[in-house]
Amino acid sequence: MKIRAILTIVISILVGFVFGFLTSGQIKKQEAVKKHKHSFHEMFVYKTLGVIEPGEAQKDTLLPIIMKYSEKTMVLKNKVSSEFDSLIHEMSLDLKPYVSSEQYKKLEENELRLREKYKR
């Protein structure tokens, strides 16, 4: 009788953990999708306004300034991203004579992965 009760409790706890992990994963996934759904400009403005917490009267004055800097930061982000791509590609070419073909293939795969990661 006691074994049955203990077994029921243990199984209930395990099922609870499984549902908790699954629910937590789904919530985190939805949050990530929400963040990536917005453009860089929208997120920049949203986060900046969140830090400042302006009143309604201030928003009309601050929004054009924030948008101007949002555009400038986007240009800088794109420039850095393209320079990063070039630098990583240059490194791969410099390493090519010193690594095996299998190692070079891994290096190229890593280069593609980094390129995709930093394009966002």
C-alpha atoms as a PDB file:
ATOM      1  CA  MET A   1       0.000   0.000   0.000  1.00  0.00           C
ATOM      2  CA  LYS A   2       2.765   2.435   0.917  1.00  0.00           C
ATOM      3  CA  ILE A   3       4.708   1.572  -2.230  1.00  0.00           C
ATOM      4  CA  ARG A   4       1.672   2.396  -4.348  1.00  0.00           C
ATOM      5  CA  ALA A   5       1.283   5.819  -2.706  1.00  0.00           C
ATOM      6  CA  ILE A   6       4.990   6.608  -3.025  1.00  0.00           C
ATOM      7  CA  LEU A   7       5.005   5.466  -6.641  1.00  0.00           C
ATOM      8  CA  THR A   8       1.982   7.660  -7.400  1.00  0.00           C
ATOM      9  CA  ILE A   9       3.677  10.684  -5.834  1.00  0.00           C
ATOM     10  CA  VAL A  10       6.949  10.085  -7.691  1.00  0.00           C
ATOM     11  CA  ILE A  11       5.159   9.641 -11.020  1.00  0.00           C
ATOM     12  CA  SER A  12       3.105  12.787 -10.399  1.00  0.00           C
ATOM     13  CA  ILE A  13       6.253  14.773  -9.668  1.00  0.00           C
ATOM     14  CA  LEU A  14       7.967  13.456 -12.804  1.00  0.00           C
ATOM     15  CA  VAL A  15       4.946  14.291 -14.968  1.00  0.00           C
ATOM     16  CA  GLY A  16       4.887  17.761 -13.403  1.00  0.00           C
ATOM     17  CA  PHE A  17       8.557  18.289 -14.239  1.00  0.00           C
ATOM     18  CA  VAL A  18       8.031  17.162 -17.828  1.00  0.00           C
ATOM     19  CA  PHE A  19       5.061  19.499 -18.311  1.00  0.00           C
ATOM     20  CA  GLY A  20       6.992  22.306 -16.638  1.00  0.00           C
ATOM     21  CA  PHE A  21       9.973  21.883 -18.963  1.00  0.00           C
ATOM     22  CA  LEU A  22       7.742  21.738 -22.029  1.00  0.00           C
ATOM     23  CA  THR A  23       5.747  24.791 -20.972  1.00  0.00           C
ATOM     24  CA  SER A  24       8.878  26.751 -20.136  1.00  0.00           C
ATOM     25  CA  GLY A  25      10.394  25.894 -23.523  1.00  0.00           C
ATOM     26  CA  GLN A  26       7.275  27.009 -25.365  1.00  0.00           C
ATOM     27  CA  ILE A  27       7.153  30.306 -23.474  1.00  0.00           C
ATOM     28  CA  LYS A  28      10.811  31.039 -24.215  1.00  0.00           C
ATOM     29  CA  LYS A  29      10.296  30.130 -27.875  1.00  0.00           C
ATOM     30  CA  GLN A  30       7.316  32.495 -28.155  1.00  0.00           C
ATOM     31  CA  GLU A  31       9.329  35.318 -26.556  1.00  0.00           C
ATOM     32  CA  ALA A  32      12.181  34.745 -29.014  1.00  0.00           C
ATOM     33  CA  VAL A  33       9.773  34.790 -31.955  1.00  0.00           C
ATOM     34  CA  LYS A  34       8.269  38.070 -30.710  1.00  0.00           C
ATOM     35  CA  LYS A  35      11.713  39.658 -30.467  1.00  0.00           C
ATOM     36  CA  HIS A  36      12.769  38.570 -33.959  1.00  0.00           C
ATOM     37  CA  LYS A  37       9.422  39.510 -35.479  1.00  0.00           C
ATOM     38  CA  HIS A  38      10.143  43.209 -35.073  1.00  0.00           C
ATOM     39  CA  SER A  39      12.596  45.121 -37.211  1.00  0.00           C
ATOM     40  CA  PHE A  40      15.832  46.533 -35.847  1.00  0.00           C
ATOM     41  CA  HIS A  41      14.378  50.061 -35.948  1.00  0.00           C
ATOM     42  CA  GLU A  42      11.252  49.089 -33.995  1.00  0.00           C
ATOM     43  CA  MET A  43      13.266  47.292 -31.316  1.00  0.00           C
ATOM     44  CA  PHE A  44      15.751  50.170 -31.023  1.00  0.00           C
ATOM     45  CA  VAL A  45      12.939  52.691 -30.548  1.00  0.00           C
ATOM     46  CA  TYR A  46      11.003  50.424 -28.178  1.00  0.00           C
ATOM     47  CA  LYS A  47      14.013  49.696 -25.972  1.00  0.00           C
ATOM     48  CA  THR A  48      15.188  53.306 -25.919  1.00  0.00           C
ATOM     49  CA  LEU A  49      11.735  54.566 -24.985  1.00  0.00           C
ATOM     50  CA  GLY A  50      11.555  51.831 -22.350  1.00  0.00           C
ATOM     51  CA  VAL A  51      14.746  53.104 -20.745  1.00  0.00           C
ATOM     52  CA  ILE A  52      13.726  56.782 -20.859  1.00  0.00           C
ATOM     53  CA  GLU A  53      10.059  56.210 -19.946  1.00  0.00           C
ATOM     54  CA  PRO A  54       8.899  59.509 -21.470  1.00  0.00           C
ATOM     55  CA  GLY A  55       5.517  61.096 -20.956  1.00  0.00           C
ATOM     56  CA  GLU A  56       3.136  61.480 -23.887  1.00  0.00           C
ATOM     57  CA  ALA A  57       4.238  65.090 -24.453  1.00  0.00           C
ATOM     58  CA  GLN A  58       7.908  64.071 -24.537  1.00  0.00           C
ATOM     59  CA  LYS A  59       7.360  61.230 -27.032  1.00  0.00           C
ATOM     60  CA  ASP A  60       6.564  63.663 -29.860  1.00  0.00           C
ATOM     61  CA  THR A  61       9.846  65.463 -29.265  1.00  0.00           C
ATOM     62  CA  LEU A  62      12.010  62.416 -28.603  1.00  0.00           C
ATOM     63  CA  LEU A  63      10.750  60.082 -31.337  1.00  0.00           C
ATOM     64  CA  PRO A  64      12.334  61.919 -34.315  1.00  0.00           C
ATOM     65  CA  ILE A  65      15.686  62.060 -32.513  1.00  0.00           C
ATOM     66  CA  ILE A  66      15.551  58.371 -31.609  1.00  0.00           C
ATOM     67  CA  MET A  67      14.573  57.461 -35.185  1.00  0.00           C
ATOM     68  CA  LYS A  68      17.547  59.441 -36.538  1.00  0.00           C
ATOM     69  CA  TYR A  69      19.934  57.507 -34.327  1.00  0.00           C
ATOM     70  CA  SER A  70      18.141  54.251 -35.080  1.00  0.00           C
ATOM     71  CA  GLU A  71      18.984  54.746 -38.763  1.00  0.00           C
ATOM     72  CA  LYS A  72      22.601  55.618 -37.938  1.00  0.00           C
ATOM     73  CA  THR A  73      23.029  52.560 -35.728  1.00  0.00           C
ATOM     74  CA  MET A  74      21.530  50.344 -38.442  1.00  0.00           C
ATOM     75  CA  VAL A  75      24.060  51.661 -40.961  1.00  0.00           C
ATOM     76  CA  LEU A  76      26.872  51.042 -38.474  1.00  0.00           C
ATOM     77  CA  LYS A  77      25.551  47.554 -37.683  1.00  0.00           C
ATOM     78  CA  ASN A  78      25.498  46.663 -41.394  1.00  0.00           C
ATOM     79  CA  LYS A  79      28.994  48.065 -41.903  1.00  0.00           C
ATOM     80  CA  VAL A  80      30.407  46.099 -38.973  1.00  0.00           C
ATOM     81  CA  SER A  81      28.627  42.972 -40.174  1.00  0.00           C
ATOM     82  CA  SER A  82      30.109  43.214 -43.660  1.00  0.00           C
ATOM     83  CA  GLU A  83      33.593  43.947 -42.278  1.00  0.00           C
ATOM     84  CA  PHE A  84      33.248  40.968 -39.937  1.00  0.00           C
ATOM     85  CA  ASP A  85      32.299  38.718 -42.870  1.00  0.00           C
ATOM     86  CA  SER A  86      35.303  39.917 -44.862  1.00  0.00           C
ATOM     87  CA  LEU A  87      37.662  39.426 -41.944  1.00  0.00           C
ATOM     88  CA  ILE A  88      36.455  35.888 -41.237  1.00  0.00           C
ATOM     89  CA  HIS A  89      36.723  34.984 -44.932  1.00  0.00           C
ATOM     90  CA  GLU A  90      40.240  36.435 -45.090  1.00  0.00           C
ATOM     91  CA  MET A  91      41.228  34.380 -42.049  1.00  0.00           C
ATOM     92  CA  SER A  92      39.874  31.224 -43.702  1.00  0.00           C
ATOM     93  CA  LEU A  93      41.920  31.889 -46.815  1.00  0.00           C
ATOM     94  CA  ASP A  94      45.074  32.488 -44.763  1.00  0.00           C
ATOM     95  CA  LEU A  95      44.533  29.228 -42.858  1.00  0.00           C
ATOM     96  CA  LYS A  96      43.746  27.134 -45.940  1.00  0.00           C
ATOM     97  CA  PRO A  97      47.361  26.153 -46.780  1.00  0.00           C
ATOM     98  CA  TYR A  98      47.967  24.942 -43.233  1.00  0.00           C
ATOM     99  CA  VAL A  99      44.878  22.819 -42.602  1.00  0.00           C
ATOM    100  CA  SER A 100      43.535  19.609 -44.106  1.00  0.00           C
ATOM    101  CA  SER A 101      40.609  19.667 -46.521  1.00  0.00           C
ATOM    102  CA  GLU A 102      38.337  18.299 -43.789  1.00  0.00           C
ATOM    103  CA  GLN A 103      39.425  21.035 -41.373  1.00  0.00           C
ATOM    104  CA  TYR A 104      38.946  23.668 -44.057  1.00  0.00           C
ATOM    105  CA  LYS A 105      35.437  22.382 -44.740  1.00  0.00           C
ATOM    106  CA  LYS A 106      34.629  22.744 -41.031  1.00  0.00           C
ATOM    107  CA  LEU A 107      36.072  26.247 -41.128  1.00  0.00           C
ATOM    108  CA  GLU A 108      33.843  27.171 -44.071  1.00  0.00           C
ATOM    109  CA  GLU A 109      30.797  25.764 -42.273  1.00  0.00           C
ATOM    110  CA  ASN A 110      31.661  27.842 -39.233  1.00  0.00           C
ATOM    111  CA  GLU A 111      32.065  30.896 -41.456  1.00  0.00           C
ATOM    112  CA  LEU A 112      28.566  30.373 -42.869  1.00  0.00           C
ATOM    113  CA  ARG A 113      27.135  29.852 -39.388  1.00  0.00           C
ATOM    114  CA  LEU A 114      28.732  33.064 -38.124  1.00  0.00           C
ATOM    115  CA  ARG A 115      27.563  34.972 -41.184  1.00  0.00           C
ATOM    116  CA  GLU A 116      23.965  33.896 -40.569  1.00  0.00           C
ATOM    117  CA  LYS A 117      24.214  34.604 -36.844  1.00  0.00           C
ATOM    118  CA  TYR A 118      25.432  38.173 -37.271  1.00  0.00           C
ATOM    119  CA  LYS A 119      23.150  39.099 -40.179  1.00  0.00           C
ATOM    120  CA  ARG A 120      20.208  39.511 -37.811  1.00  0.00           C
END
